[in-house]
Protein backbone atom coordinates (compact mmCIF):
# COMPACT_ATOMS: atom_id res chain seq x y z
CA UNK A 1 0.38 0.10 0.05
CA UNK A 2 2.72 2.99 0.63
CA UNK A 3 4.41 1.84 -2.17
CA UNK A 4 1.58 2.68 -4.28
CA UNK A 5 1.27 5.71 -2.82
CA UNK A 6 4.90 6.80 -3.10
CA UNK A 7 4.56 5.82 -6.62
CA UNK A 8 1.33 7.69 -7.60
CA UNK A 9 2.77 10.53 -5.98
CA UNK A 10 6.00 11.03 -8.25
CA UNK A 11 3.86 9.64 -11.32
CA UNK A 12 1.60 12.43 -10.25
CA UNK A 13 4.35 14.95 -9.68
CA UNK A 14 6.08 14.34 -13.00
CA UNK A 15 2.71 14.18 -14.82
CA UNK A 16 1.16 17.68 -13.58
CA UNK A 17 -0.21 19.40 -16.16
CA UNK A 18 -2.59 22.93 -16.15
CA UNK A 19 -4.70 23.36 -19.04
CA UNK A 20 -4.08 27.30 -18.79
CA UNK A 21 -1.94 29.92 -18.94
CA UNK A 22 -2.79 31.15 -15.39
CA UNK A 23 -2.34 27.62 -13.80
CA UNK A 24 0.94 27.12 -15.84
CA UNK A 25 2.10 30.24 -13.89
CA UNK A 26 0.22 29.34 -10.33
CA UNK A 27 1.99 25.96 -10.51
CA UNK A 28 5.45 27.47 -11.54
CA UNK A 29 5.20 29.74 -8.16
CA UNK A 30 3.61 26.88 -6.03
CA UNK A 31 6.39 25.11 -6.57
CA UNK A 32 9.05 28.01 -5.80
CA UNK A 33 7.38 29.19 -2.62
CA UNK A 34 7.21 25.14 -1.46
CA UNK A 35 11.26 25.35 -1.99
CA UNK A 36 11.21 28.29 -0.45
CA UNK A 37 9.56 27.42 2.69
CA UNK A 38 11.41 24.60 3.32
CA UNK A 39 14.83 25.72 3.15
CA UNK A 40 13.77 28.81 5.01
CA UNK A 41 12.36 26.69 7.62
CA UNK A 42 15.34 23.74 7.46
CA UNK A 43 17.71 27.18 8.60
CA UNK A 44 15.36 28.25 11.29
CA UNK A 45 14.98 24.53 12.94
CA UNK A 46 19.07 23.70 12.40
CA UNK A 47 20.88 26.83 11.63
CA UNK A 48 19.37 29.73 13.02
CA UNK A 49 19.11 30.11 17.01
CA UNK A 50 16.02 32.19 18.04
CA UNK A 51 13.56 30.60 20.32
CA UNK A 52 11.55 27.56 20.76
CA UNK A 53 8.41 28.94 19.92
CA UNK A 54 9.76 30.18 16.74
CA UNK A 55 11.72 26.57 16.40
CA UNK A 56 8.80 24.77 17.04
CA UNK A 57 6.44 26.47 14.40
CA UNK A 58 9.32 25.95 11.76
CA UNK A 59 8.76 22.45 12.10
CA UNK A 60 5.23 23.03 12.12
CA UNK A 61 5.53 24.76 8.71
CA UNK A 62 7.73 22.49 7.15
CA UNK A 63 5.37 19.46 7.96
CA UNK A 64 2.50 21.37 6.62
CA UNK A 65 4.34 22.58 3.73
CA UNK A 66 5.28 18.85 2.74
CA UNK A 67 1.39 17.69 3.62
CA UNK A 68 0.23 20.39 1.25
CA UNK A 69 2.80 19.38 -1.74
CA UNK A 70 1.05 15.93 -0.94
CA UNK A 71 -2.63 16.51 -0.94
CA UNK A 72 -2.23 19.30 -4.48
CA UNK A 73 -0.06 16.00 -6.02
CA UNK A 74 -2.62 13.20 -4.76
CA UNK A 75 -5.20 15.56 -6.75
CA UNK A 76 -7.28 16.09 -3.33
CA UNK A 77 -6.59 19.87 -3.12
CA UNK A 78 -6.57 22.40 -6.03
CA UNK A 79 -3.62 24.14 -6.99
CA UNK A 80 -5.34 27.77 -6.67
CA UNK A 81 -5.80 26.40 -2.72
CA UNK A 82 -2.82 24.83 -2.20
CA UNK A 83 -0.94 28.07 -3.00
CA UNK A 84 -3.21 30.02 -1.58
CA UNK A 85 -2.69 28.11 2.06
CA UNK A 86 1.00 28.07 2.06
CA UNK A 87 1.44 31.57 1.24
CA UNK A 88 -0.82 32.08 3.96
CA UNK A 89 0.70 29.51 6.24
CA UNK A 90 4.13 31.24 5.46
CA UNK A 91 3.03 34.76 6.44
CA UNK A 92 1.57 33.47 9.74
CA UNK A 93 5.03 32.00 10.31
CA UNK A 94 6.68 35.21 9.11
CA UNK A 95 4.33 37.14 11.84
CA UNK A 96 5.20 34.47 14.82
CA UNK A 97 8.59 35.14 14.07
CA UNK A 98 8.25 39.03 14.67
CA UNK A 99 6.04 39.16 17.76
CA UNK A 100 8.60 36.33 19.45
CA UNK A 101 11.76 38.79 18.05
CA UNK A 102 9.62 41.93 19.43
CA UNK A 103 9.13 40.49 22.81
CA UNK A 104 12.92 39.26 23.21
CA UNK A 105 14.10 42.75 22.16
CA UNK A 106 17.63 41.58 21.72
CA UNK A 107 20.75 43.57 20.02
CA UNK A 108 19.27 42.38 16.40
CA UNK A 109 15.73 42.23 16.87
CA UNK A 110 15.32 45.10 14.66
CA UNK A 111 17.59 43.38 11.35
CA UNK A 112 15.76 40.31 12.00
CA UNK A 113 12.09 42.36 12.14
CA UNK A 114 12.92 44.04 8.92
CA UNK A 115 13.94 41.05 7.19
CA UNK A 116 10.28 39.91 7.75
CA UNK A 117 8.56 42.59 6.83
CA UNK A 118 10.52 42.25 3.55
CA UNK A 119 9.20 38.58 3.50
CA UNK A 120 5.61 39.92 4.00
CA UNK A 121 6.21 42.25 1.25
CA UNK A 122 7.30 39.41 -1.15
CA UNK A 123 4.47 37.30 0.07
CA UNK A 124 2.21 40.22 -1.19
CA UNK A 125 4.08 40.14 -4.60
CA UNK A 126 3.58 36.44 -5.38
CA UNK A 127 -0.07 36.07 -4.37
CA UNK A 128 -0.47 39.18 -6.47
CA UNK A 129 1.49 37.36 -9.39
CA UNK A 130 -0.50 34.13 -9.05
CA UNK A 131 -3.79 36.58 -8.73
CA UNK A 132 -4.95 34.62 -5.56
CA UNK A 133 -7.97 36.17 -4.93
CA UNK A 134 -8.16 37.57 -1.48
CA UNK A 135 -4.75 36.23 -0.75
CA UNK A 136 -2.86 39.85 -0.73
CA UNK A 137 -5.25 41.57 1.13
CA UNK A 138 -5.51 38.79 4.04
CA UNK A 139 -1.83 39.05 4.19
CA UNK A 140 -1.74 43.13 4.44
CA UNK A 141 -4.18 42.46 7.19
CA UNK A 142 -1.53 40.26 9.19
CA UNK A 143 1.33 42.09 8.32
CA UNK A 144 -0.45 45.32 9.40
CA UNK A 145 -1.28 43.90 12.67
CA UNK A 146 2.35 42.40 13.44
CA UNK A 147 3.99 45.06 12.79
CA UNK A 148 1.61 47.41 14.99
CA UNK A 149 2.09 45.02 17.99
CA UNK A 150 5.80 45.03 16.87
CA UNK A 151 5.83 48.60 17.44
CA UNK A 152 4.28 48.31 20.57
CA UNK A 153 5.75 45.85 22.59
CA UNK A 154 9.25 46.96 21.10
CA UNK A 155 9.46 51.13 20.18
CA UNK A 156 12.15 51.20 18.13
CA UNK A 157 13.20 54.51 16.14
CA UNK A 158 13.54 53.03 12.97
CA UNK A 159 10.53 50.68 13.31
CA UNK A 160 8.28 53.64 14.51
CA UNK A 161 9.64 55.52 11.21
CA UNK A 162 8.74 53.28 9.09
CA UNK A 163 5.59 52.50 10.13
CA UNK A 164 3.18 55.16 8.25
CA UNK A 165 5.19 54.20 5.09
CA UNK A 166 4.68 50.59 5.72
CA UNK A 167 0.79 50.67 6.41
CA UNK A 168 0.37 53.28 2.93
CA UNK A 169 1.90 50.58 1.09
CA UNK A 170 -0.18 47.70 2.29
CA UNK A 171 -3.83 49.99 2.52
CA UNK A 172 -2.81 50.43 -1.46
CA UNK A 173 -1.60 46.59 -2.18
CA UNK A 174 -5.05 45.75 -0.67
CA UNK A 175 -7.05 48.07 -3.25
CA UNK A 176 -4.79 46.88 -6.20
CA UNK A 177 -5.39 43.37 -4.89
CA UNK A 178 -9.45 43.79 -5.21
CA UNK A 179 -9.24 45.81 -8.42
CA UNK A 180 -6.67 43.66 -10.33
CA UNK A 181 -8.06 40.33 -9.02
CA UNK A 182 -11.60 40.76 -10.11
CA UNK A 183 -10.76 42.86 -13.48
CA UNK A 184 -8.36 39.82 -14.91
CA UNK A 185 -10.47 36.74 -13.64
CA UNK A 186 -13.09 38.52 -15.42
CA UNK A 187 -10.85 38.64 -18.62
CA UNK A 188 -10.08 34.88 -17.97
CA UNK A 189 -13.63 33.85 -18.07
CA UNK A 190 -14.40 35.73 -20.89
CA UNK A 191 -11.25 33.75 -22.87
CA UNK A 192 -11.82 30.88 -21.54
CA UNK A 193 -15.98 31.11 -23.20
CA UNK A 194 -13.90 32.44 -26.44
CA UNK A 195 -12.29 29.27 -26.80
CA UNK A 196 -14.65 26.65 -25.79
CA UNK A 197 -17.24 28.86 -28.93
CA UNK A 198 -14.04 28.94 -31.47
CA UNK A 199 -13.60 24.74 -30.50
CA UNK A 200 -17.02 24.10 -31.05
CA UNK A 201 -17.20 25.88 -34.28
CA UNK A 202 -14.48 24.02 -36.15
CA UNK A 203 -15.87 20.87 -34.69
CA UNK A 204 -18.86 20.75 -36.29
CA UNK A 205 -17.96 22.88 -39.30
CA UNK A 206 -15.36 20.59 -40.14
CA UNK A 207 -12.68 23.23 -40.77
CA UNK A 208 -9.35 23.59 -38.99
CA UNK A 209 -7.70 26.38 -37.58
CA UNK A 210 -5.27 25.87 -40.53
CA UNK A 211 -7.31 26.20 -43.15
CA UNK A 212 -9.62 29.52 -42.35
CA UNK A 213 -6.16 31.09 -41.28
CA UNK A 214 -4.82 29.99 -45.01
CA UNK A 215 -8.15 31.42 -46.29
CA UNK A 216 -7.92 34.34 -44.88
CA UNK A 217 -4.47 34.91 -46.09
CA UNK A 218 -5.24 34.07 -49.50
CA UNK A 219 -7.92 36.69 -49.58
CA UNK A 220 -5.67 39.45 -48.12
CA UNK A 221 -2.89 38.17 -50.72
CA UNK A 222 -5.38 38.87 -53.41
CA UNK A 223 -5.84 42.61 -53.28
CA UNK A 224 -8.93 42.50 -51.44
CA UNK A 225 -10.58 45.19 -49.15
CA UNK A 226 -11.73 43.59 -45.42
CA UNK A 227 -15.47 44.45 -47.14
CA UNK A 228 -14.92 41.95 -49.63
CA UNK A 229 -13.36 39.45 -46.95
CA UNK A 230 -16.25 39.80 -45.11
CA UNK A 231 -18.33 39.23 -47.89
CA UNK A 232 -16.64 36.21 -49.04
CA UNK A 233 -16.90 34.45 -45.05
CA UNK A 234 -20.53 35.43 -45.10
CA UNK A 235 -21.00 33.43 -48.40
CA UNK A 236 -19.22 30.52 -46.78
CA UNK A 237 -21.13 30.66 -43.26
CA UNK A 238 -24.56 30.23 -45.71
CA UNK A 239 -22.93 27.66 -47.87
CA UNK A 240 -21.72 26.09 -44.76
CA UNK A 241 -25.20 26.76 -42.33
CA UNK A 242 -26.78 23.21 -43.71
CA UNK A 243 -23.42 21.15 -43.01
CA UNK A 244 -23.31 22.85 -39.56
CA UNK A 245 -26.87 22.12 -39.10
CA UNK A 246 -26.13 18.38 -39.99
CA UNK A 247 -23.29 18.28 -38.13
CA UNK A 248 -24.90 18.79 -35.10
CA UNK A 249 -27.67 16.96 -35.13
CA UNK A 250 -25.67 14.19 -35.98
CA UNK A 251 -23.13 14.68 -32.94
CA UNK A 252 -26.15 14.91 -30.69
CA UNK A 253 -28.04 11.75 -32.25
CA UNK A 254 -24.60 10.13 -31.57
CA UNK A 255 -23.57 11.22 -27.99
CA UNK A 256 -27.54 10.02 -27.31
CA UNK A 257 -27.51 6.86 -28.23
CA UNK A 258 -23.69 6.49 -26.46
CA UNK A 259 -24.99 8.22 -23.23
CA UNK A 260 -28.19 5.84 -23.38
CA UNK A 261 -25.82 2.63 -23.41
CA UNK A 262 -23.29 4.12 -21.03
CA UNK A 263 -26.38 4.67 -18.70
CA UNK A 264 -27.30 1.13 -19.14
CA UNK A 265 -23.68 -0.34 -18.18
CA UNK A 266 -23.05 1.42 -15.43
CA UNK A 267 -26.39 2.39 -13.83
CA UNK A 268 -24.92 3.44 -10.41
CA UNK A 269 -23.32 6.52 -12.15
CA UNK A 270 -24.43 10.19 -12.90
CA UNK A 271 -24.74 11.78 -15.84
CA UNK A 272 -22.35 14.02 -15.55
CA UNK A 273 -19.64 11.14 -14.23
CA UNK A 274 -21.04 9.80 -17.35
CA UNK A 275 -20.09 12.33 -19.34
CA UNK A 276 -16.46 11.68 -18.47
CA UNK A 277 -16.66 7.84 -18.69
CA UNK A 278 -17.72 8.41 -22.51
CA UNK A 279 -14.35 10.56 -23.04
CA UNK A 280 -12.43 8.44 -21.17
CA UNK A 281 -13.50 5.70 -23.79
CA UNK A 282 -12.46 8.07 -26.40
CA UNK A 283 -9.06 8.12 -24.88
CA UNK A 284 -9.08 11.59 -24.20
CA UNK A 285 -6.35 13.46 -21.30
CA UNK A 286 -7.48 14.68 -18.14
CA UNK A 287 -6.41 17.76 -19.74
CA UNK A 288 -8.71 17.37 -23.01
CA UNK A 289 -11.67 16.00 -20.77
CA UNK A 290 -11.57 19.07 -18.92
CA UNK A 291 -11.23 21.54 -22.08
CA UNK A 292 -13.98 19.48 -23.94
CA UNK A 293 -16.50 19.57 -20.76
CA UNK A 294 -15.65 23.36 -19.72
CA UNK A 295 -14.84 22.25 -16.44
CA UNK A 296 -11.42 22.43 -13.78
CA UNK A 297 -9.26 19.86 -13.35
CA UNK A 298 -9.83 19.70 -9.84
CA UNK A 299 -13.61 19.18 -10.35
CA UNK A 300 -12.99 16.32 -13.07
CA UNK A 301 -10.46 14.35 -10.74
CA UNK A 302 -12.72 14.36 -8.25
CA UNK A 303 -15.39 12.90 -10.13
CA UNK A 304 -13.02 10.07 -11.29
CA UNK A 305 -12.14 9.33 -7.82
CA UNK A 306 -16.03 9.50 -7.14
CA UNK A 307 -16.41 6.66 -10.37
CA UNK A 308 -13.79 4.53 -9.18
CA UNK A 309 -15.43 4.47 -5.57
CA UNK A 310 -18.38 3.51 -7.80
CA UNK A 311 -16.77 0.90 -9.72
CA UNK A 312 -14.98 -0.79 -6.23
CA UNK A 313 -11.39 -0.44 -8.09
CA UNK A 314 -8.02 -0.51 -6.60
CA UNK A 315 -5.24 1.71 -6.41
CA UNK A 316 -3.49 0.52 -9.19
CA UNK A 317 -6.17 -0.60 -11.58
CA UNK A 318 -5.77 1.19 -14.51
CA UNK A 319 -9.74 3.67 -15.52
CA UNK A 320 -9.77 3.33 -18.70
CA UNK A 321 -9.11 -0.37 -18.83
CA UNK A 322 -11.53 -1.09 -15.92
CA UNK A 323 -14.14 0.92 -17.86
CA UNK A 324 -13.70 -0.94 -21.48
CA UNK A 325 -13.75 -4.25 -19.80
CA UNK A 326 -17.00 -3.71 -18.38
CA UNK A 327 -18.61 -1.84 -21.25
CA UNK A 328 -17.21 -5.25 -23.33
CA UNK A 329 -18.82 -7.75 -20.74
CA UNK A 330 -22.35 -5.53 -20.59
CA UNK A 331 -22.25 -5.88 -24.54
CA UNK A 332 -21.51 -9.19 -24.75
CA UNK A 333 -23.97 -10.04 -21.76
CA UNK A 334 -26.98 -7.90 -24.05
CA UNK A 335 -26.29 -10.15 -27.42
CA UNK A 336 -26.40 -13.08 -25.59
CA UNK A 337 -29.62 -12.73 -24.39
CA UNK A 338 -31.12 -11.09 -27.68
């Protein structure tokens, strides 16, 4: 069992794929922050002598970081939630370190508190780049409270002088986060909808992206104006209309027939799960299933887990093979009784 779990973790790590640019960006940041967390906590535990509280905190953060990495790669947590939890966790560790230093009041407390302040700013910038909704605001709130307490318990001239500037920066970050995140996520949703519509158009019309680009290039090379190009495209649309309608009806009929067969073969699965089963049987990869169904990877992975549970599959059984075998078995039984 342990061997299978370790193998699944390594397989999940090397087979990772995020279908969107934002997902790939978040994955890179998550890996970067996770490595940084393990390095800094190791330094706090083995190299830096501070206080028993910060040492225990560092050990806890290291353990939770490893747990978050495993939970993401085993698809129990989504990438967004894993990255959010990790960054907030590091900010809590930073806040604990700052308060401990302020209460100790050692000669080098000022230097370490300022370094921790820079760490907080770095975490805020990281969460902004990853577009983790509301995370920069949460980190900023923790930073403001922590820095205020540090100034109260450790009235150092440098910390007191920097305080108003730091406060203004964090308030500005919160405002910028709310505006930028909402705008970017809205644009991302519109882009995903446009991609889905474009994919559906190419699928039902029988045209490829290369064919469309080649046609437009040919029209431009012939010296036609944009109005002529538009007229020709409208002409193509009118000629292709019947083909598109016919293709749509055919695809819908085939899908309905396949879905009815799958419902009979797998009566315990929901319609949403059967849609995933249908694509798995067609040999589609996880990223392709996400794209075709318009769902995120976490949702599809959860549905796949439920399908495995409904079929009582073991951890080492291949889902696609099991589905094919059971479907073939059902078809053979149906032919036998007909």
